[in-house]
Amino acid sequence: MSTPPLKAVTLTHVRYQKGDHLGHFLAWISLVPVFISLGGFISHFILRRELQTMFFALGLVFSQFINELIKQSVQQARPETCFLLETCDSHGWPSSHSQYMFFFATYFTLLTYYRFGVLGRNQMAVAFFVVWPLALLTMYSRVYLGYHTVAQVFAGAGLGIVVGAAWFWVVNSVIRVYFPIIEESAFGRLFYIKDTSHIPNVLKFEYENARAARKHVSYKRSE
């Protein structure tokens, strides 16, 4: 009886040449989408329950679903290095890592520009000097490490920008009007789901209200 071939979970299956310090660094950069998904969105949901962030995360899932549909339709092979990386059983166009990061950068920048739930006065600087460089480094890492061709990462980046901008429009022009209804629903009240898109500076708002609540008797913790 023959043993069926094994297939790896490629999301965290990142390899680089031993002794290549740049490759080692870029291998970690390549995992940024995982850190954003697990460390960022899940912890943000647990601690904040923001509707804008929930739909942001939902958009990323939708974007990756589109990516997989295109990959299965086009079925373009990865570069020849896929034999060393054991990724030849998956398709390369468009790059899902590039698409994820450029969707994230586009949506994050638009949220900041239109001041929907901004957490700080320097958030646009974070977008330009942290988020976009990380997106570019992720794109470069996929080529450097041999997982994708240049054309594949640019296709992913372009698709991420288009889908990210389109999803932002859908959420904030069509769906956002229903946010108050979701807040007041039984589900929203049960899980403390909220929307702070109407607040220009959420961090300042929460800071001032936390200080004010300290002086209010009804908010004080019973010892």
C-alpha atoms as a PDB file:
ATOM      1  CA  MET A   1       0.000   0.000   0.000  1.00  0.00           C
ATOM      2  CA  SER A   2       1.568   3.301  -1.097  1.00  0.00           C
ATOM      3  CA  THR A   3       1.794   6.213   1.300  1.00  0.00           C
ATOM      4  CA  PRO A   4      -0.042   9.345   0.079  1.00  0.00           C
ATOM      5  CA  PRO A   5       2.188  12.418  -0.437  1.00  0.00           C
ATOM      6  CA  LEU A   6       2.400  14.906   2.406  1.00  0.00           C
ATOM      7  CA  LYS A   7       1.387  18.542   2.090  1.00  0.00           C
ATOM      8  CA  ALA A   8       2.700  21.342   4.319  1.00  0.00           C
ATOM      9  CA  VAL A   9       0.774  24.284   5.752  1.00  0.00           C
ATOM     10  CA  THR A  10       2.582  26.985   3.789  1.00  0.00           C
ATOM     11  CA  LEU A  11       1.416  29.940   5.908  1.00  0.00           C
ATOM     12  CA  THR A  12       4.196  29.449   8.480  1.00  0.00           C
ATOM     13  CA  HIS A  13       6.436  27.126   6.455  1.00  0.00           C
ATOM     14  CA  VAL A  14       9.227  29.634   5.697  1.00  0.00           C
ATOM     15  CA  ARG A  15      12.756  28.545   4.779  1.00  0.00           C
ATOM     16  CA  TYR A  16      15.983  30.464   4.175  1.00  0.00           C
ATOM     17  CA  GLN A  17      19.590  29.532   3.465  1.00  0.00           C
ATOM     18  CA  LYS A  18      21.638  28.703   6.543  1.00  0.00           C
ATOM     19  CA  GLY A  19      24.009  31.530   7.393  1.00  0.00           C
ATOM     20  CA  ASP A  20      22.026  34.099   5.389  1.00  0.00           C
ATOM     21  CA  HIS A  21      21.278  36.794   7.962  1.00  0.00           C
ATOM     22  CA  LEU A  22      19.197  38.872   5.554  1.00  0.00           C
ATOM     23  CA  GLY A  23      17.223  35.749   4.638  1.00  0.00           C
ATOM     24  CA  HIS A  24      16.668  35.049   8.331  1.00  0.00           C
ATOM     25  CA  PHE A  25      15.375  38.580   8.845  1.00  0.00           C
ATOM     26  CA  LEU A  26      13.122  38.411   5.791  1.00  0.00           C
ATOM     27  CA  ALA A  27      11.779  35.019   6.885  1.00  0.00           C
ATOM     28  CA  TRP A  28      10.442  36.710  10.028  1.00  0.00           C
ATOM     29  CA  ILE A  29       9.119  39.619   7.956  1.00  0.00           C
ATOM     30  CA  SER A  30       7.296  37.057   5.823  1.00  0.00           C
ATOM     31  CA  LEU A  31       5.384  36.014   8.947  1.00  0.00           C
ATOM     32  CA  VAL A  32       4.039  39.516   9.641  1.00  0.00           C
ATOM     33  CA  PRO A  33       0.565  38.582   8.257  1.00  0.00           C
ATOM     34  CA  VAL A  34       0.381  35.792  10.833  1.00  0.00           C
ATOM     35  CA  PHE A  35       1.352  38.169  13.648  1.00  0.00           C
ATOM     36  CA  ILE A  36      -1.251  40.713  12.505  1.00  0.00           C
ATOM     37  CA  SER A  37      -3.996  38.077  12.347  1.00  0.00           C
ATOM     38  CA  LEU A  38      -3.261  36.281  15.611  1.00  0.00           C
ATOM     39  CA  GLY A  39      -1.647  38.995  17.730  1.00  0.00           C
ATOM     40  CA  GLY A  40      -3.465  41.985  16.323  1.00  0.00           C
ATOM     41  CA  PHE A  41      -7.027  41.233  15.333  1.00  0.00           C
ATOM     42  CA  ILE A  42      -7.778  38.486  17.854  1.00  0.00           C
ATOM     43  CA  SER A  43      -6.427  40.475  20.826  1.00  0.00           C
ATOM     44  CA  HIS A  44      -8.162  43.613  19.518  1.00  0.00           C
ATOM     45  CA  PHE A  45     -11.464  41.760  19.357  1.00  0.00           C
ATOM     46  CA  ILE A  46     -11.057  40.364  22.879  1.00  0.00           C
ATOM     47  CA  LEU A  47     -10.101  43.715  24.405  1.00  0.00           C
ATOM     48  CA  ARG A  48     -12.000  46.284  22.327  1.00  0.00           C
ATOM     49  CA  ARG A  49     -14.885  44.654  20.350  1.00  0.00           C
ATOM     50  CA  GLU A  50     -14.782  47.344  17.635  1.00  0.00           C
ATOM     51  CA  LEU A  51     -17.101  46.893  14.641  1.00  0.00           C
ATOM     52  CA  GLN A  52     -14.754  48.755  12.316  1.00  0.00           C
ATOM     53  CA  THR A  53     -11.935  46.368  13.205  1.00  0.00           C
ATOM     54  CA  MET A  54     -14.188  43.328  12.857  1.00  0.00           C
ATOM     55  CA  PHE A  55     -15.114  44.312   9.309  1.00  0.00           C
ATOM     56  CA  PHE A  56     -11.460  45.127   8.626  1.00  0.00           C
ATOM     57  CA  ALA A  57     -10.561  41.553   9.602  1.00  0.00           C
ATOM     58  CA  LEU A  58     -13.526  40.160   7.664  1.00  0.00           C
ATOM     59  CA  GLY A  59     -12.255  42.018   4.600  1.00  0.00           C
ATOM     60  CA  LEU A  60      -8.849  40.396   4.934  1.00  0.00           C
ATOM     61  CA  VAL A  61     -10.503  36.977   5.042  1.00  0.00           C
ATOM     62  CA  PHE A  62     -12.571  37.870   1.974  1.00  0.00           C
ATOM     63  CA  SER A  63      -9.422  39.089   0.201  1.00  0.00           C
ATOM     64  CA  GLN A  64      -7.619  35.823   0.877  1.00  0.00           C
ATOM     65  CA  PHE A  65     -10.641  33.884  -0.378  1.00  0.00           C
ATOM     66  CA  ILE A  66     -10.453  35.849  -3.644  1.00  0.00           C
ATOM     67  CA  ASN A  67      -6.728  35.127  -3.798  1.00  0.00           C
ATOM     68  CA  GLU A  68      -7.295  31.396  -3.477  1.00  0.00           C
ATOM     69  CA  LEU A  69     -10.007  31.431  -6.134  1.00  0.00           C
ATOM     70  CA  ILE A  70      -7.686  33.197  -8.573  1.00  0.00           C
ATOM     71  CA  LYS A  71      -4.812  30.835  -7.783  1.00  0.00           C
ATOM     72  CA  GLN A  72      -6.976  27.808  -8.446  1.00  0.00           C
ATOM     73  CA  SER A  73      -8.229  29.335 -11.701  1.00  0.00           C
ATOM     74  CA  VAL A  74      -4.888  30.558 -13.089  1.00  0.00           C
ATOM     75  CA  GLN A  75      -2.725  27.758 -11.605  1.00  0.00           C
ATOM     76  CA  GLN A  76       0.546  29.519 -12.319  1.00  0.00           C
ATOM     77  CA  ALA A  77       3.551  27.623 -10.950  1.00  0.00           C
ATOM     78  CA  ARG A  78       5.923  29.024  -8.377  1.00  0.00           C
ATOM     79  CA  PRO A  79       9.576  29.681  -9.360  1.00  0.00           C
ATOM     80  CA  GLU A  80      11.989  26.740  -9.781  1.00  0.00           C
ATOM     81  CA  THR A  81      13.189  27.186  -6.193  1.00  0.00           C
ATOM     82  CA  CYS A  82       9.907  25.614  -5.097  1.00  0.00           C
ATOM     83  CA  PHE A  83      11.631  22.210  -5.227  1.00  0.00           C
ATOM     84  CA  LEU A  84      14.016  23.260  -2.445  1.00  0.00           C
ATOM     85  CA  LEU A  85      11.219  24.917  -0.492  1.00  0.00           C
ATOM     86  CA  GLU A  86       8.775  22.019  -0.980  1.00  0.00           C
ATOM     87  CA  THR A  87       6.046  24.346  -2.235  1.00  0.00           C
ATOM     88  CA  CYS A  88       5.626  23.104  -5.804  1.00  0.00           C
ATOM     89  CA  ASP A  89       2.245  21.586  -4.932  1.00  0.00           C
ATOM     90  CA  SER A  90       0.763  25.083  -4.521  1.00  0.00           C
ATOM     91  CA  HIS A  91       0.266  27.908  -7.006  1.00  0.00           C
ATOM     92  CA  GLY A  92       2.068  31.246  -7.009  1.00  0.00           C
ATOM     93  CA  TRP A  93      -0.051  33.882  -8.795  1.00  0.00           C
ATOM     94  CA  PRO A  94      -0.972  36.139  -7.122  1.00  0.00           C
ATOM     95  CA  SER A  95       1.096  36.173  -3.918  1.00  0.00           C
ATOM     96  CA  SER A  96      -1.238  35.861  -0.925  1.00  0.00           C
ATOM     97  CA  HIS A  97       1.309  37.414   1.465  1.00  0.00           C
ATOM     98  CA  SER A  98       1.663  40.514  -0.724  1.00  0.00           C
ATOM     99  CA  GLN A  99      -2.085  40.754  -1.178  1.00  0.00           C
ATOM    100  CA  TYR A 100      -2.692  40.495   2.566  1.00  0.00           C
ATOM    101  CA  MET A 101      -0.167  43.189   3.478  1.00  0.00           C
ATOM    102  CA  PHE A 102      -1.199  45.647   0.780  1.00  0.00           C
ATOM    103  CA  PHE A 103      -4.878  45.186   1.655  1.00  0.00           C
ATOM    104  CA  PHE A 104      -3.961  45.861   5.285  1.00  0.00           C
ATOM    105  CA  ALA A 105      -1.864  48.936   4.424  1.00  0.00           C
ATOM    106  CA  THR A 106      -4.549  50.374   2.129  1.00  0.00           C
ATOM    107  CA  TYR A 107      -7.422  49.894   4.572  1.00  0.00           C
ATOM    108  CA  PHE A 108      -5.365  51.153   7.536  1.00  0.00           C
ATOM    109  CA  THR A 109      -4.311  54.277   5.620  1.00  0.00           C
ATOM    110  CA  LEU A 110      -7.870  55.052   4.502  1.00  0.00           C
ATOM    111  CA  LEU A 111      -9.171  54.587   8.050  1.00  0.00           C
ATOM    112  CA  THR A 112      -6.551  57.039   9.262  1.00  0.00           C
ATOM    113  CA  TYR A 113      -7.104  59.558   6.471  1.00  0.00           C
ATOM    114  CA  TYR A 114     -10.865  59.698   7.061  1.00  0.00           C
ATOM    115  CA  ARG A 115     -10.325  59.574  10.844  1.00  0.00           C
ATOM    116  CA  PHE A 116     -12.557  56.566  11.490  1.00  0.00           C
ATOM    117  CA  GLY A 117     -11.665  55.360  14.988  1.00  0.00           C
ATOM    118  CA  VAL A 118      -8.180  56.883  14.986  1.00  0.00           C
ATOM    119  CA  LEU A 119      -6.224  55.822  18.072  1.00  0.00           C
ATOM    120  CA  GLY A 120      -3.652  58.621  18.090  1.00  0.00           C
ATOM    121  CA  ARG A 121      -2.551  61.868  16.479  1.00  0.00           C
ATOM    122  CA  ASN A 122       0.492  60.192  14.859  1.00  0.00           C
ATOM    123  CA  GLN A 123      -1.372  57.279  13.283  1.00  0.00           C
ATOM    124  CA  MET A 124      -0.734  58.529   9.717  1.00  0.00           C
ATOM    125  CA  ALA A 125       2.995  58.510  10.468  1.00  0.00           C
ATOM    126  CA  VAL A 126       2.608  54.899  11.596  1.00  0.00           C
ATOM    127  CA  ALA A 127       0.928  54.126   8.278  1.00  0.00           C
ATOM    128  CA  PHE A 128       3.678  55.655   6.146  1.00  0.00           C
ATOM    129  CA  PHE A 129       6.735  54.732   8.203  1.00  0.00           C
ATOM    130  CA  VAL A 130       5.726  51.338   9.605  1.00  0.00           C
ATOM    131  CA  VAL A 131       2.801  49.714   7.782  1.00  0.00           C
ATOM    132  CA  TRP A 132       3.762  50.493   4.167  1.00  0.00           C
ATOM    133  CA  PRO A 133       7.463  49.627   4.647  1.00  0.00           C
ATOM    134  CA  LEU A 134       6.385  46.314   6.195  1.00  0.00           C
ATOM    135  CA  ALA A 135       4.166  45.659   3.176  1.00  0.00           C
ATOM    136  CA  LEU A 136       7.065  46.374   0.791  1.00  0.00           C
ATOM    137  CA  LEU A 137       9.472  44.239   2.843  1.00  0.00           C
ATOM    138  CA  THR A 138       6.979  41.363   2.869  1.00  0.00           C
ATOM    139  CA  MET A 139       6.664  41.598  -0.906  1.00  0.00           C
ATOM    140  CA  TYR A 140      10.455  41.650  -1.303  1.00  0.00           C
ATOM    141  CA  SER A 141      10.902  38.756   1.138  1.00  0.00           C
ATOM    142  CA  ARG A 142       8.709  36.443  -0.942  1.00  0.00           C
ATOM    143  CA  VAL A 143      10.933  36.986  -3.979  1.00  0.00           C
ATOM    144  CA  TYR A 144      14.221  36.908  -2.061  1.00  0.00           C
ATOM    145  CA  LEU A 145      13.340  33.654  -0.303  1.00  0.00           C
ATOM    146  CA  GLY A 146      12.289  32.057  -3.600  1.00  0.00           C
ATOM    147  CA  TYR A 147       8.573  31.608  -2.946  1.00  0.00           C
ATOM    148  CA  HIS A 148       7.361  33.896  -5.728  1.00  0.00           C
ATOM    149  CA  THR A 149       8.425  35.655  -8.894  1.00  0.00           C
ATOM    150  CA  VAL A 150       8.443  39.465  -9.153  1.00  0.00           C
ATOM    151  CA  ALA A 151       5.294  39.354 -11.278  1.00  0.00           C
ATOM    152  CA  GLN A 152       3.485  37.243  -8.666  1.00  0.00           C
ATOM    153  CA  VAL A 153       4.195  39.618  -5.766  1.00  0.00           C
ATOM    154  CA  PHE A 154       3.268  42.693  -7.803  1.00  0.00           C
ATOM    155  CA  ALA A 155       0.020  41.022  -8.813  1.00  0.00           C
ATOM    156  CA  GLY A 156      -0.717  40.301  -5.153  1.00  0.00           C
ATOM    157  CA  ALA A 157       0.142  43.865  -4.139  1.00  0.00           C
ATOM    158  CA  GLY A 158      -2.050  45.371  -6.839  1.00  0.00           C
ATOM    159  CA  LEU A 159      -4.965  43.105  -6.006  1.00  0.00           C
ATOM    160  CA  GLY A 160      -4.563  43.894  -2.295  1.00  0.00           C
ATOM    161  CA  ILE A 161      -4.758  47.647  -2.958  1.00  0.00           C
ATOM    162  CA  VAL A 162      -7.828  47.311  -5.198  1.00  0.00           C
ATOM    163  CA  VAL A 163      -9.721  44.923  -2.907  1.00  0.00           C
ATOM    164  CA  GLY A 164      -8.704  46.903   0.190  1.00  0.00           C
ATOM    165  CA  ALA A 165      -9.987  50.193  -1.254  1.00  0.00           C
ATOM    166  CA  ALA A 166     -13.178  48.551  -2.535  1.00  0.00           C
ATOM    167  CA  TRP A 167     -13.880  46.861   0.807  1.00  0.00           C
ATOM    168  CA  PHE A 168     -13.273  50.146   2.651  1.00  0.00           C
ATOM    169  CA  TRP A 169     -15.884  51.809   0.433  1.00  0.00           C
ATOM    170  CA  VAL A 170     -18.386  48.982   1.001  1.00  0.00           C
ATOM    171  CA  VAL A 171     -17.949  49.043   4.781  1.00  0.00           C
ATOM    172  CA  ASN A 172     -17.994  52.815   5.247  1.00  0.00           C
ATOM    173  CA  SER A 173     -20.508  53.780   2.552  1.00  0.00           C
ATOM    174  CA  VAL A 174     -22.959  50.876   2.762  1.00  0.00           C
ATOM    175  CA  ILE A 175     -22.528  48.854   5.968  1.00  0.00           C
ATOM    176  CA  ARG A 176     -21.536  51.518   8.532  1.00  0.00           C
ATOM    177  CA  VAL A 177     -25.045  52.992   8.675  1.00  0.00           C
ATOM    178  CA  TYR A 178     -26.110  49.696  10.275  1.00  0.00           C
ATOM    179  CA  PHE A 179     -23.439  49.827  13.000  1.00  0.00           C
ATOM    180  CA  PRO A 180     -25.815  51.473  15.556  1.00  0.00           C
ATOM    181  CA  ILE A 181     -28.356  48.694  14.912  1.00  0.00           C
ATOM    182  CA  ILE A 182     -25.683  46.041  15.540  1.00  0.00           C
ATOM    183  CA  GLU A 183     -24.638  47.873  18.727  1.00  0.00           C
ATOM    184  CA  GLU A 184     -28.202  47.885  20.052  1.00  0.00           C
ATOM    185  CA  SER A 185     -28.936  44.275  19.073  1.00  0.00           C
ATOM    186  CA  ALA A 186     -29.020  41.444  21.594  1.00  0.00           C
ATOM    187  CA  PHE A 187     -25.728  40.160  20.169  1.00  0.00           C
ATOM    188  CA  GLY A 188     -24.102  43.589  20.436  1.00  0.00           C
ATOM    189  CA  ARG A 189     -25.239  44.090  24.017  1.00  0.00           C
ATOM    190  CA  LEU A 190     -24.219  40.580  25.043  1.00  0.00           C
ATOM    191  CA  PHE A 191     -20.646  40.912  23.738  1.00  0.00           C
ATOM    192  CA  TYR A 192     -20.262  44.693  24.257  1.00  0.00           C
ATOM    193  CA  ILE A 193     -19.839  45.282  20.517  1.00  0.00           C
ATOM    194  CA  LYS A 194     -19.306  48.976  19.788  1.00  0.00           C
ATOM    195  CA  ASP A 195     -18.498  51.468  17.049  1.00  0.00           C
ATOM    196  CA  THR A 196     -16.205  54.439  17.621  1.00  0.00           C
ATOM    197  CA  SER A 197     -15.940  55.508  13.963  1.00  0.00           C
ATOM    198  CA  HIS A 198     -17.678  58.799  14.808  1.00  0.00           C
ATOM    199  CA  ILE A 199     -15.012  59.734  17.391  1.00  0.00           C
ATOM    200  CA  PRO A 200     -12.069  61.643  15.795  1.00  0.00           C
ATOM    201  CA  ASN A 201      -9.486  60.562  18.396  1.00  0.00           C
ATOM    202  CA  VAL A 202     -10.463  57.417  20.289  1.00  0.00           C
ATOM    203  CA  LEU A 203      -7.354  57.354  22.476  1.00  0.00           C
ATOM    204  CA  LYS A 204      -7.948  60.914  23.692  1.00  0.00           C
ATOM    205  CA  PHE A 205     -11.664  60.221  24.197  1.00  0.00           C
ATOM    206  CA  GLU A 206     -11.014  57.119  26.298  1.00  0.00           C
ATOM    207  CA  TYR A 207      -8.276  58.855  28.277  1.00  0.00           C
ATOM    208  CA  GLU A 208     -10.475  61.808  29.196  1.00  0.00           C
ATOM    209  CA  ASN A 209     -13.462  59.612  30.043  1.00  0.00           C
ATOM    210  CA  ALA A 210     -11.339  57.284  32.186  1.00  0.00           C
ATOM    211  CA  ARG A 211     -10.110  60.287  34.176  1.00  0.00           C
ATOM    212  CA  ALA A 212     -13.650  61.633  34.517  1.00  0.00           C
ATOM    213  CA  ALA A 213     -14.990  58.239  35.617  1.00  0.00           C
ATOM    214  CA  ARG A 214     -12.408  58.082  38.413  1.00  0.00           C
ATOM    215  CA  LYS A 215     -14.177  61.027  40.084  1.00  0.00           C
ATOM    216  CA  HIS A 216     -17.655  59.577  39.601  1.00  0.00           C
ATOM    217  CA  VAL A 217     -18.915  57.488  42.532  1.00  0.00           C
ATOM    218  CA  SER A 218     -20.967  55.054  40.414  1.00  0.00           C
ATOM    219  CA  TYR A 219     -17.867  53.989  38.467  1.00  0.00           C
ATOM    220  CA  LYS A 220     -15.632  53.283  41.449  1.00  0.00           C
ATOM    221  CA  ARG A 221     -14.640  49.687  42.133  1.00  0.00           C
ATOM    222  CA  SER A 222     -16.000  48.299  45.402  1.00  0.00           C
ATOM    223  CA  GLU A 223     -13.222  47.150  47.715  1.00  0.00           C
END
